[in-house]
C-alpha cells in the first residue's frame, strides 16, 4: 500500500530540511531534495517500526483534556 503525505521543507545552510506535516516527529535532511525525500521515507519507516515495538505490550485508556 502507498500512502501520500505532505513534505514541508526549507533550505538551511545549504541543506534541505523537512518534515511530514501529517506525522508529527518525522524530520530529516539531505544535500538535495531527492536525498531529503529518501531520508524522510527512511525516518518514517523507522518511526513505524518503533511504534510497532512499543505497542506490543502497551495498554490504552481514554482521558479527557480541558481545551
PDB file of N, CA and C in Angstrom:
ATOM      1  N   UNK A   1       0.836  -1.174   0.000  1.00  0.00           N
ATOM      2  CA  UNK A   1       0.000   0.000   0.000  1.00  0.00           C
ATOM      3  C   UNK A   1       0.886   1.245   0.000  1.00  0.00           C
ATOM      4  N   UNK A   2       0.443   2.256  -0.693  1.00  0.00           N
ATOM      5  CA  UNK A   2       1.195   3.514  -0.762  1.00  0.00           C
ATOM      6  C   UNK A   2       0.347   4.617  -0.148  1.00  0.00           C
ATOM      7  N   UNK A   3       0.898   5.324   0.823  1.00  0.00           N
ATOM      8  CA  UNK A   3       0.229   6.468   1.434  1.00  0.00           C
ATOM      9  C   UNK A   3       0.913   7.739   0.939  1.00  0.00           C
ATOM     10  N   UNK A   4       0.173   8.820   0.916  1.00  0.00           N
ATOM     11  CA  UNK A   4       0.726  10.101   0.474  1.00  0.00           C
ATOM     12  C   UNK A   4       0.690  11.088   1.639  1.00  0.00           C
ATOM     13  N   UNK A   5       1.803  11.789   1.828  1.00  0.00           N
ATOM     14  CA  UNK A   5       1.941  12.765   2.891  1.00  0.00           C
ATOM     15  C   UNK A   5       2.449  14.078   2.295  1.00  0.00           C
ATOM     16  N   UNK A   6       2.324  15.138   3.063  1.00  0.00           N
ATOM     17  CA  UNK A   6       2.825  16.442   2.644  1.00  0.00           C
ATOM     18  C   UNK A   6       4.216  16.654   3.228  1.00  0.00           C
ATOM     19  N   UNK A   7       5.212  16.789   2.362  1.00  0.00           N
ATOM     20  CA  UNK A   7       6.572  17.086   2.797  1.00  0.00           C
ATOM     21  C   UNK A   7       6.733  18.597   2.815  1.00  0.00           C
ATOM     22  N   UNK A   8       6.890  19.150   3.999  1.00  0.00           N
ATOM     23  CA  UNK A   8       7.162  20.577   4.144  1.00  0.00           C
ATOM     24  C   UNK A   8       8.676  20.711   4.301  1.00  0.00           C
ATOM     25  N   UNK A   9       9.314  21.519   3.458  1.00  0.00           N
ATOM     26  CA  UNK A   9      10.777  21.602   3.516  1.00  0.00           C
ATOM     27  C   UNK A   9      11.256  23.029   3.314  1.00  0.00           C
ATOM     28  N   UNK A  10      12.483  23.242   3.741  1.00  0.00           N
ATOM     29  CA  UNK A  10      13.138  24.541   3.611  1.00  0.00           C
ATOM     30  C   UNK A  10      14.635  24.295   3.479  1.00  0.00           C
ATOM     31  N   UNK A  11      15.365  25.328   3.086  1.00  0.00           N
ATOM     32  CA  UNK A  11      16.818  25.206   2.939  1.00  0.00           C
ATOM     33  C   UNK A  11      17.475  25.947   4.093  1.00  0.00           C
ATOM     34  N   UNK A  12      18.387  25.254   4.780  1.00  0.00           N
ATOM     35  CA  UNK A  12      19.087  25.805   5.937  1.00  0.00           C
ATOM     36  C   UNK A  12      20.575  25.528   5.774  1.00  0.00           C
ATOM     37  N   UNK A  13      21.368  26.567   5.575  1.00  0.00           N
ATOM     38  CA  UNK A  13      22.821  26.439   5.358  1.00  0.00           C
ATOM     39  C   UNK A  13      23.149  25.455   4.244  1.00  0.00           C
ATOM     40  N   UNK A  14      22.379  25.503   3.157  1.00  0.00           N
ATOM     41  CA  UNK A  14      22.642  24.647   2.013  1.00  0.00           C
ATOM     42  C   UNK A  14      22.045  23.254   2.108  1.00  0.00           C
ATOM     43  N   UNK A  15      21.416  22.901   3.212  1.00  0.00           N
ATOM     44  CA  UNK A  15      20.787  21.593   3.397  1.00  0.00           C
ATOM     45  C   UNK A  15      19.282  21.713   3.225  1.00  0.00           C
ATOM     46  N   UNK A  16      18.686  20.714   2.598  1.00  0.00           N
ATOM     47  CA  UNK A  16      17.230  20.619   2.536  1.00  0.00           C
ATOM     48  C   UNK A  16      16.770  19.933   3.826  1.00  0.00           C
ATOM     49  N   UNK A  17      15.942  20.626   4.576  1.00  0.00           N
ATOM     50  CA  UNK A  17      15.436  20.112   5.850  1.00  0.00           C
ATOM     51  C   UNK A  17      13.927  20.030   5.719  1.00  0.00           C
ATOM     52  N   UNK A  18      13.329  18.947   6.231  1.00  0.00           N
ATOM     53  CA  UNK A  18      11.891  18.835   6.074  1.00  0.00           C
ATOM     54  C   UNK A  18      11.237  17.943   7.105  1.00  0.00           C
ATOM     55  N   UNK A  19       9.905  17.974   7.047  1.00  0.00           N
ATOM     56  CA  UNK A  19       9.096  17.168   7.948  1.00  0.00           C
ATOM     57  C   UNK A  19       7.830  16.739   7.222  1.00  0.00           C
ATOM     58  N   UNK A  20       7.232  15.656   7.712  1.00  0.00           N
ATOM     59  CA  UNK A  20       5.934  15.237   7.201  1.00  0.00           C
ATOM     60  C   UNK A  20       4.875  15.920   8.036  1.00  0.00           C
ATOM     61  N   UNK A  21       4.062  16.756   7.421  1.00  0.00           N
ATOM     62  CA  UNK A  21       3.074  17.543   8.168  1.00  0.00           C
ATOM     63  C   UNK A  21       2.059  16.652   8.888  1.00  0.00           C
ATOM     64  N   UNK A  22       1.689  15.532   8.291  1.00  0.00           N
ATOM     65  CA  UNK A  22       0.664  14.671   8.870  1.00  0.00           C
ATOM     66  C   UNK A  22       1.198  13.714   9.930  1.00  0.00           C
ATOM     67  N   UNK A  23       2.514  13.634  10.075  1.00  0.00           N
ATOM     68  CA  UNK A  23       3.103  12.677  11.014  1.00  0.00           C
ATOM     69  C   UNK A  23       4.086  13.421  11.921  1.00  0.00           C
ATOM     70  N   UNK A  24       3.611  13.919  13.057  1.00  0.00           N
ATOM     71  CA  UNK A  24       4.499  14.669  13.962  1.00  0.00           C
ATOM     72  C   UNK A  24       5.728  13.845  14.357  1.00  0.00           C
ATOM     73  N   UNK A  25       6.861  14.490  14.361  1.00  0.00           N
ATOM     74  CA  UNK A  25       8.085  13.824  14.791  1.00  0.00           C
ATOM     75  C   UNK A  25       8.916  13.233  13.676  1.00  0.00           C
ATOM     76  N   UNK A  26       8.428  13.238  12.444  1.00  0.00           N
ATOM     77  CA  UNK A  26       9.216  12.701  11.339  1.00  0.00           C
ATOM     78  C   UNK A  26       9.882  13.873  10.610  1.00  0.00           C
ATOM     79  N   UNK A  27      11.162  14.066  10.914  1.00  0.00           N
ATOM     80  CA  UNK A  27      12.001  15.114  10.331  1.00  0.00           C
ATOM     81  C   UNK A  27      13.221  14.463   9.704  1.00  0.00           C
ATOM     82  N   UNK A  28      13.816  15.120   8.717  1.00  0.00           N
ATOM     83  CA  UNK A  28      15.090  14.655   8.174  1.00  0.00           C
ATOM     84  C   UNK A  28      15.723  15.790   7.380  1.00  0.00           C
ATOM     85  N   UNK A  29      16.852  15.475   6.754  1.00  0.00           N
ATOM     86  CA  UNK A  29      17.562  16.454   5.943  1.00  0.00           C
ATOM     87  C   UNK A  29      18.327  15.733   4.847  1.00  0.00           C
ATOM     88  N   UNK A  30      18.790  16.500   3.855  1.00  0.00           N
ATOM     89  CA  UNK A  30      19.580  15.935   2.774  1.00  0.00           C
ATOM     90  C   UNK A  30      20.286  17.042   2.018  1.00  0.00           C
ATOM     91  N   UNK A  31      21.306  16.657   1.271  1.00  0.00           N
ATOM     92  CA  UNK A  31      22.048  17.639   0.473  1.00  0.00           C
ATOM     93  C   UNK A  31      21.280  18.058  -0.772  1.00  0.00           C
ATOM     94  N   UNK A  32      20.269  17.283  -1.158  1.00  0.00           N
ATOM     95  CA  UNK A  32      19.412  17.612  -2.298  1.00  0.00           C
ATOM     96  C   UNK A  32      17.972  17.289  -1.906  1.00  0.00           C
ATOM     97  N   UNK A  33      17.036  17.763  -2.700  1.00  0.00           N
ATOM     98  CA  UNK A  33      15.635  17.470  -2.424  1.00  0.00           C
ATOM     99  C   UNK A  33      15.372  15.968  -2.534  1.00  0.00           C
ATOM    100  N   UNK A  34      15.986  15.311  -3.500  1.00  0.00           N
ATOM    101  CA  UNK A  34      15.810  13.864  -3.653  1.00  0.00           C
ATOM    102  C   UNK A  34      16.362  13.117  -2.437  1.00  0.00           C
ATOM    103  N   UNK A  35      17.528  13.545  -1.949  1.00  0.00           N
ATOM    104  CA  UNK A  35      18.100  12.897  -0.765  1.00  0.00           C
ATOM    105  C   UNK A  35      17.196  13.119   0.450  1.00  0.00           C
ATOM    106  N   UNK A  36      16.635  14.307   0.580  1.00  0.00           N
ATOM    107  CA  UNK A  36      15.685  14.562   1.658  1.00  0.00           C
ATOM    108  C   UNK A  36      14.492  13.626   1.544  1.00  0.00           C
ATOM    109  N   UNK A  37      13.931  13.473   0.342  1.00  0.00           N
ATOM    110  CA  UNK A  37      12.791  12.566   0.158  1.00  0.00           C
ATOM    111  C   UNK A  37      13.153  11.137   0.550  1.00  0.00           C
ATOM    112  N   UNK A  38      14.319  10.663   0.150  1.00  0.00           N
ATOM    113  CA  UNK A  38      14.769   9.311   0.525  1.00  0.00           C
ATOM    114  C   UNK A  38      14.920   9.194   2.036  1.00  0.00           C
ATOM    115  N   UNK A  39      15.547  10.211   2.652  1.00  0.00           N
ATOM    116  CA  UNK A  39      15.784  10.170   4.096  1.00  0.00           C
ATOM    117  C   UNK A  39      14.491  10.284   4.893  1.00  0.00           C
ATOM    118  N   UNK A  40      13.524  11.050   4.403  1.00  0.00           N
ATOM    119  CA  UNK A  40      12.263  11.205   5.125  1.00  0.00           C
ATOM    120  C   UNK A  40      11.484   9.890   5.076  1.00  0.00           C
ATOM    121  N   UNK A  41      11.605   9.163   3.972  1.00  0.00           N
ATOM    122  CA  UNK A  41      10.973   7.836   3.901  1.00  0.00           C
ATOM    123  C   UNK A  41      11.603   6.888   4.909  1.00  0.00           C
ATOM    124  N   UNK A  42      12.933   6.919   5.002  1.00  0.00           N
ATOM    125  CA  UNK A  42      13.622   6.083   5.999  1.00  0.00           C
ATOM    126  C   UNK A  42      13.188   6.454   7.409  1.00  0.00           C
ATOM    127  N   UNK A  43      13.100   7.757   7.698  1.00  0.00           N
ATOM    128  CA  UNK A  43      12.688   8.218   9.023  1.00  0.00           C
ATOM    129  C   UNK A  43      11.267   7.759   9.338  1.00  0.00           C
ATOM    130  N   UNK A  44      10.385   7.802   8.360  1.00  0.00           N
ATOM    131  CA  UNK A  44       9.008   7.351   8.552  1.00  0.00           C
ATOM    132  C   UNK A  44       8.982   5.860   8.886  1.00  0.00           C
ATOM    133  N   UNK A  45       9.718   5.063   8.116  1.00  0.00           N
ATOM    134  CA  UNK A  45       9.733   3.617   8.362  1.00  0.00           C
ATOM    135  C   UNK A  45      10.327   3.280   9.724  1.00  0.00           C
ATOM    136  N   UNK A  46      11.362   3.980  10.137  1.00  0.00           N
ATOM    137  CA  UNK A  46      11.934   3.753  11.460  1.00  0.00           C
ATOM    138  C   UNK A  46      10.932   4.103  12.560  1.00  0.00           C
ATOM    139  N   UNK A  47      10.181   5.177  12.379  1.00  0.00           N
ATOM    140  CA  UNK A  47       9.180   5.575  13.359  1.00  0.00           C
ATOM    141  C   UNK A  47       8.087   4.514  13.459  1.00  0.00           C
ATOM    142  N   UNK A  48       7.643   3.970  12.328  1.00  0.00           N
ATOM    143  CA  UNK A  48       6.611   2.933  12.322  1.00  0.00           C
ATOM    144  C   UNK A  48       7.126   1.672  13.021  1.00  0.00           C
ATOM    145  N   UNK A  49       8.371   1.284  12.767  1.00  0.00           N
ATOM    146  CA  UNK A  49       8.956   0.115  13.430  1.00  0.00           C
ATOM    147  C   UNK A  49       8.993   0.321  14.935  1.00  0.00           C
ATOM    148  N   UNK A  50       9.414   1.516  15.380  1.00  0.00           N
ATOM    149  CA  UNK A  50       9.465   1.813  16.812  1.00  0.00           C
ATOM    150  C   UNK A  50       8.080   1.760  17.431  1.00  0.00           C
ATOM    151  N   UNK A  51       7.075   2.299  16.747  1.00  0.00           N
ATOM    152  CA  UNK A  51       5.707   2.271  17.268  1.00  0.00           C
ATOM    153  C   UNK A  51       5.205   0.846  17.389  1.00  0.00           C
ATOM    154  N   UNK A  52       5.523   0.002  16.404  1.00  0.00           N
ATOM    155  CA  UNK A  52       5.094  -1.391  16.454  1.00  0.00           C
ATOM    156  C   UNK A  52       5.733  -2.121  17.624  1.00  0.00           C
ATOM    157  N   UNK A  53       7.008  -1.850  17.887  1.00  0.00           N
ATOM    158  CA  UNK A  53       7.682  -2.483  19.014  1.00  0.00           C
ATOM    159  C   UNK A  53       7.108  -2.019  20.346  1.00  0.00           C
ATOM    160  N   UNK A  54       6.813  -0.724  20.454  1.00  0.00           N
ATOM    161  CA  UNK A  54       6.276  -0.177  21.693  1.00  0.00           C
ATOM    162  C   UNK A  54       4.858  -0.648  21.974  1.00  0.00           C
ATOM    163  N   UNK A  55       4.070  -0.867  20.927  1.00  0.00           N
ATOM    164  CA  UNK A  55       2.665  -1.197  21.130  1.00  0.00           C
ATOM    165  C   UNK A  55       2.420  -2.659  21.459  1.00  0.00           C
ATOM    166  N   UNK A  56       3.440  -3.508  21.419  1.00  0.00           N
ATOM    167  CA  UNK A  56       3.259  -4.931  21.696  1.00  0.00           C
ATOM    168  C   UNK A  56       2.670  -5.147  23.090  1.00  0.00           C
ATOM    169  N   UNK A  57       3.195  -4.486  24.102  1.00  0.00           N
ATOM    170  CA  UNK A  57       2.711  -4.653  25.467  1.00  0.00           C
ATOM    171  C   UNK A  57       1.977  -3.423  25.981  1.00  0.00           C
ATOM    172  N   UNK A  58       1.638  -2.527  25.101  1.00  0.00           N
ATOM    173  CA  UNK A  58       1.012  -1.278  25.529  1.00  0.00           C
ATOM    174  C   UNK A  58      -0.470  -1.478  25.841  1.00  0.00           C
ATOM    175  N   UNK A  59      -0.942  -0.712  26.790  1.00  0.00           N
ATOM    176  CA  UNK A  59      -2.351  -0.661  27.125  1.00  0.00           C
ATOM    177  C   UNK A  59      -2.847   0.746  26.801  1.00  0.00           C
ATOM    178  N   UNK A  60      -4.143   0.897  26.669  1.00  0.00           N
ATOM    179  CA  UNK A  60      -4.699   2.213  26.371  1.00  0.00           C
ATOM    180  C   UNK A  60      -5.782   2.579  27.372  1.00  0.00           C
ATOM    181  N   UNK A  61      -6.001   3.861  27.528  1.00  0.00           N
ATOM    182  CA  UNK A  61      -7.038   4.393  28.405  1.00  0.00           C
ATOM    183  C   UNK A  61      -7.448   5.733  27.840  1.00  0.00           C
ATOM    184  N   UNK A  62      -8.751   5.958  27.718  1.00  0.00           N
ATOM    185  CA  UNK A  62      -9.241   7.228  27.230  1.00  0.00           C
ATOM    186  C   UNK A  62      -9.184   8.247  28.363  1.00  0.00           C
ATOM    187  N   UNK A  63      -8.688   9.446  28.067  1.00  0.00           N
ATOM    188  CA  UNK A  63      -8.611  10.513  29.051  1.00  0.00           C
ATOM    189  C   UNK A  63      -9.233  11.769  28.473  1.00  0.00           C
ATOM    190  N   UNK A  64      -9.799  12.590  29.338  1.00  0.00           N
ATOM    191  CA  UNK A  64     -10.347  13.858  28.920  1.00  0.00           C
ATOM    192  C   UNK A  64      -9.353  14.976  29.193  1.00  0.00           C
ATOM    193  N   UNK A  65      -9.269  15.918  28.278  1.00  0.00           N
ATOM    194  CA  UNK A  65      -8.356  17.050  28.415  1.00  0.00           C
ATOM    195  C   UNK A  65      -9.154  18.333  28.199  1.00  0.00           C
ATOM    196  N   UNK A  66      -9.087  19.232  29.143  1.00  0.00           N
ATOM    197  CA  UNK A  66      -9.770  20.515  29.035  1.00  0.00           C
ATOM    198  C   UNK A  66      -9.095  21.365  27.972  1.00  0.00           C
ATOM    199  N   UNK A  67      -9.853  21.888  27.030  1.00  0.00           N
ATOM    200  CA  UNK A  67      -9.276  22.740  25.973  1.00  0.00           C
ATOM    201  C   UNK A  67      -9.921  24.108  25.972  1.00  0.00           C
TER     202      UNK A  67
END
